[in-house]
């Protein structure tokens, strides 16, 4: 078996309209397709991240909360690569999004920071420029 790339990441949100606003209008992800499934009372929103990856944003009635902080088993966080981390941080802060201080990854020596989506899911900005 050979895996080519990550195709999509699926996220279940608690408030569909709020999360749609965040991912589309704050993170500027392009809507590929929006589907309402009446039998499930659920939305599925396919969003493009660049040319090769997607987020599937789902809503389900009464979905349980995340059990704990990022150190719980399972997906720890979702990282987005950016060209200029300072510019990306300013863009988020202009939209009222709290962003942690920018840090340096001690292994790769690249700059990164964290912020949260409307459901407090940890999201990371990871700067592309610099060493590899």
Foldseek 3Di string as FASTA:
>chain_A
DDDDDAAEAEDEDADVVQLCCCVCVQVVWAWPDWDQDVVQRKIWTWTDDPDGYIYTYMYGPPDDADPDALVDPDHSAAEHEDADVVVSCVSNVVVVWDKDDWDADPVQRWIKTWTAGPSRGIYMYTHDDDGD
